[in-house]
Amino acid sequence: MSKNYQTLVALKEREEGQTMAEYGVVLAVITIAVFGALTLLSGNIEDAISRVAGFIS
């Protein structure tokens, strides 16, 4: 029983998951992807905004 209890306690205390550094890397990758997509689509976005502005005025 003692060994099983120690195993359960060890599993409970074991920390798994992402650290702040990993979150930072994920955030950086997402930011680069968003800026890349906006750069590639900037011409289309500008045209769409111009069309909407034309409909409004």
N, C-alpha and C. Protein backbone atom coordinates (compact mmCIF):
# COMPACT_ATOMS: atom_id res chain seq x y z
N MET A 1 0.83 -1.20 0.00
CA MET A 1 0.00 0.00 0.00
C MET A 1 0.87 1.25 0.00
N SER A 2 1.94 1.22 0.72
CA SER A 2 2.81 2.38 0.82
C SER A 2 3.44 2.72 -0.53
N LYS A 3 3.81 1.67 -1.26
CA LYS A 3 4.43 1.91 -2.57
C LYS A 3 3.41 2.52 -3.54
N ASN A 4 2.19 2.04 -3.51
CA ASN A 4 1.15 2.60 -4.37
C ASN A 4 0.88 4.06 -4.01
N TYR A 5 0.85 4.36 -2.74
CA TYR A 5 0.63 5.73 -2.28
C TYR A 5 1.76 6.64 -2.74
N GLN A 6 2.99 6.16 -2.60
CA GLN A 6 4.14 6.96 -3.04
C GLN A 6 4.09 7.21 -4.55
N THR A 7 3.65 6.21 -5.30
CA THR A 7 3.53 6.37 -6.75
C THR A 7 2.48 7.42 -7.08
N LEU A 8 1.35 7.39 -6.39
CA LEU A 8 0.30 8.39 -6.62
C LEU A 8 0.77 9.79 -6.26
N VAL A 9 1.48 9.91 -5.16
CA VAL A 9 1.99 11.22 -4.75
C VAL A 9 3.00 11.73 -5.76
N ALA A 10 3.86 10.85 -6.27
CA ALA A 10 4.87 11.25 -7.26
C ALA A 10 4.20 11.70 -8.55
N LEU A 11 3.16 11.01 -8.96
CA LEU A 11 2.44 11.41 -10.18
C LEU A 11 1.74 12.76 -9.99
N LYS A 12 1.20 12.97 -8.81
CA LYS A 12 0.51 14.22 -8.53
C LYS A 12 1.48 15.40 -8.52
N GLU A 13 2.66 15.20 -7.98
CA GLU A 13 3.63 16.28 -7.85
C GLU A 13 4.39 16.55 -9.15
N ARG A 14 4.38 15.60 -10.06
CA ARG A 14 5.10 15.78 -11.32
C ARG A 14 4.41 16.87 -12.13
N GLU A 15 5.18 17.85 -12.52
CA GLU A 15 4.62 18.96 -13.27
C GLU A 15 4.88 18.74 -14.76
N GLU A 16 3.83 18.76 -15.51
CA GLU A 16 3.95 18.63 -16.95
C GLU A 16 3.20 19.79 -17.57
N GLY A 17 3.56 20.11 -18.77
CA GLY A 17 2.89 21.19 -19.46
C GLY A 17 3.89 22.17 -19.99
N GLN A 18 3.37 23.26 -20.49
CA GLN A 18 4.22 24.25 -21.13
C GLN A 18 4.74 25.25 -20.11
N THR A 19 5.97 25.65 -20.33
CA THR A 19 6.55 26.69 -19.50
C THR A 19 6.32 28.03 -20.19
N MET A 20 6.67 29.10 -19.52
CA MET A 20 6.48 30.43 -20.10
C MET A 20 7.31 30.59 -21.36
N ALA A 21 8.49 29.99 -21.42
CA ALA A 21 9.33 30.08 -22.61
C ALA A 21 8.64 29.42 -23.79
N GLU A 22 8.00 28.29 -23.56
CA GLU A 22 7.29 27.61 -24.66
C GLU A 22 6.10 28.44 -25.12
N TYR A 23 5.39 29.06 -24.18
CA TYR A 23 4.29 29.94 -24.57
C TYR A 23 4.81 31.11 -25.41
N GLY A 24 5.97 31.63 -25.04
CA GLY A 24 6.56 32.72 -25.79
C GLY A 24 6.91 32.31 -27.21
N VAL A 25 7.44 31.11 -27.37
CA VAL A 25 7.78 30.61 -28.71
C VAL A 25 6.52 30.43 -29.54
N VAL A 26 5.49 29.86 -28.95
CA VAL A 26 4.22 29.68 -29.67
C VAL A 26 3.64 31.03 -30.08
N LEU A 27 3.68 32.00 -29.18
CA LEU A 27 3.18 33.33 -29.49
C LEU A 27 3.98 33.98 -30.62
N ALA A 28 5.29 33.81 -30.61
CA ALA A 28 6.14 34.36 -31.67
C ALA A 28 5.82 33.73 -33.02
N VAL A 29 5.62 32.43 -33.05
CA VAL A 29 5.29 31.74 -34.31
C VAL A 29 3.94 32.21 -34.84
N ILE A 30 2.97 32.35 -33.96
CA ILE A 30 1.65 32.82 -34.38
C ILE A 30 1.74 34.25 -34.90
N THR A 31 2.50 35.10 -34.22
CA THR A 31 2.66 36.49 -34.65
C THR A 31 3.31 36.57 -36.02
N ILE A 32 4.35 35.78 -36.24
CA ILE A 32 5.02 35.77 -37.55
C ILE A 32 4.06 35.28 -38.63
N ALA A 33 3.26 34.27 -38.33
CA ALA A 33 2.30 33.76 -39.31
C ALA A 33 1.24 34.80 -39.66
N VAL A 34 0.75 35.53 -38.65
CA VAL A 34 -0.27 36.56 -38.90
C VAL A 34 0.31 37.69 -39.75
N PHE A 35 1.52 38.16 -39.40
CA PHE A 35 2.12 39.23 -40.19
C PHE A 35 2.43 38.77 -41.61
N GLY A 36 2.85 37.54 -41.76
CA GLY A 36 3.10 37.00 -43.09
C GLY A 36 1.83 36.94 -43.92
N ALA A 37 0.74 36.48 -43.31
CA ALA A 37 -0.54 36.42 -44.02
C ALA A 37 -1.03 37.81 -44.40
N LEU A 38 -0.89 38.76 -43.47
CA LEU A 38 -1.32 40.13 -43.78
C LEU A 38 -0.48 40.73 -44.89
N THR A 39 0.81 40.42 -44.91
CA THR A 39 1.68 40.93 -45.97
C THR A 39 1.27 40.36 -47.32
N LEU A 40 1.00 39.06 -47.36
CA LEU A 40 0.61 38.42 -48.62
C LEU A 40 -0.76 38.90 -49.10
N LEU A 41 -1.64 39.20 -48.18
CA LEU A 41 -3.00 39.59 -48.54
C LEU A 41 -3.23 41.09 -48.54
N SER A 42 -2.19 41.88 -48.32
CA SER A 42 -2.38 43.32 -48.15
C SER A 42 -3.03 43.97 -49.37
N GLY A 43 -2.67 43.54 -50.57
CA GLY A 43 -3.29 44.11 -51.77
C GLY A 43 -4.77 43.82 -51.82
N ASN A 44 -5.17 42.60 -51.53
CA ASN A 44 -6.59 42.23 -51.54
C ASN A 44 -7.36 42.96 -50.43
N ILE A 45 -6.74 43.10 -49.28
CA ILE A 45 -7.40 43.80 -48.17
C ILE A 45 -7.60 45.27 -48.53
N GLU A 46 -6.58 45.87 -49.13
CA GLU A 46 -6.70 47.28 -49.53
C GLU A 46 -7.79 47.47 -50.57
N ASP A 47 -7.89 46.56 -51.54
CA ASP A 47 -8.95 46.64 -52.55
C ASP A 47 -10.33 46.49 -51.92
N ALA A 48 -10.46 45.57 -50.98
CA ALA A 48 -11.77 45.35 -50.33
C ALA A 48 -12.17 46.59 -49.53
N ILE A 49 -11.24 47.20 -48.82
CA ILE A 49 -11.55 48.40 -48.05
C ILE A 49 -11.93 49.55 -48.98
N SER A 50 -11.25 49.64 -50.12
CA SER A 50 -11.58 50.69 -51.09
C SER A 50 -12.97 50.50 -51.66
N ARG A 51 -13.34 49.25 -51.95
CA ARG A 51 -14.69 48.98 -52.46
C ARG A 51 -15.75 49.33 -51.44
N VAL A 52 -15.52 48.96 -50.18
CA VAL A 52 -16.48 49.28 -49.12
C VAL A 52 -16.60 50.80 -48.96
N ALA A 53 -15.48 51.50 -49.00
CA ALA A 53 -15.50 52.96 -48.90
C ALA A 53 -16.26 53.57 -50.08
N GLY A 54 -16.12 52.97 -51.26
CA GLY A 54 -16.85 53.46 -52.42
C GLY A 54 -18.34 53.28 -52.28
N PHE A 55 -18.78 52.17 -51.70
CA PHE A 55 -20.21 51.93 -51.47
C PHE A 55 -20.77 52.91 -50.45
N ILE A 56 -19.98 53.27 -49.46
CA ILE A 56 -20.45 54.15 -48.39
C ILE A 56 -20.59 55.58 -48.90
N SER A 57 -19.62 56.03 -49.70
CA SER A 57 -19.67 57.44 -50.12
C SER A 57 -20.42 57.66 -51.39
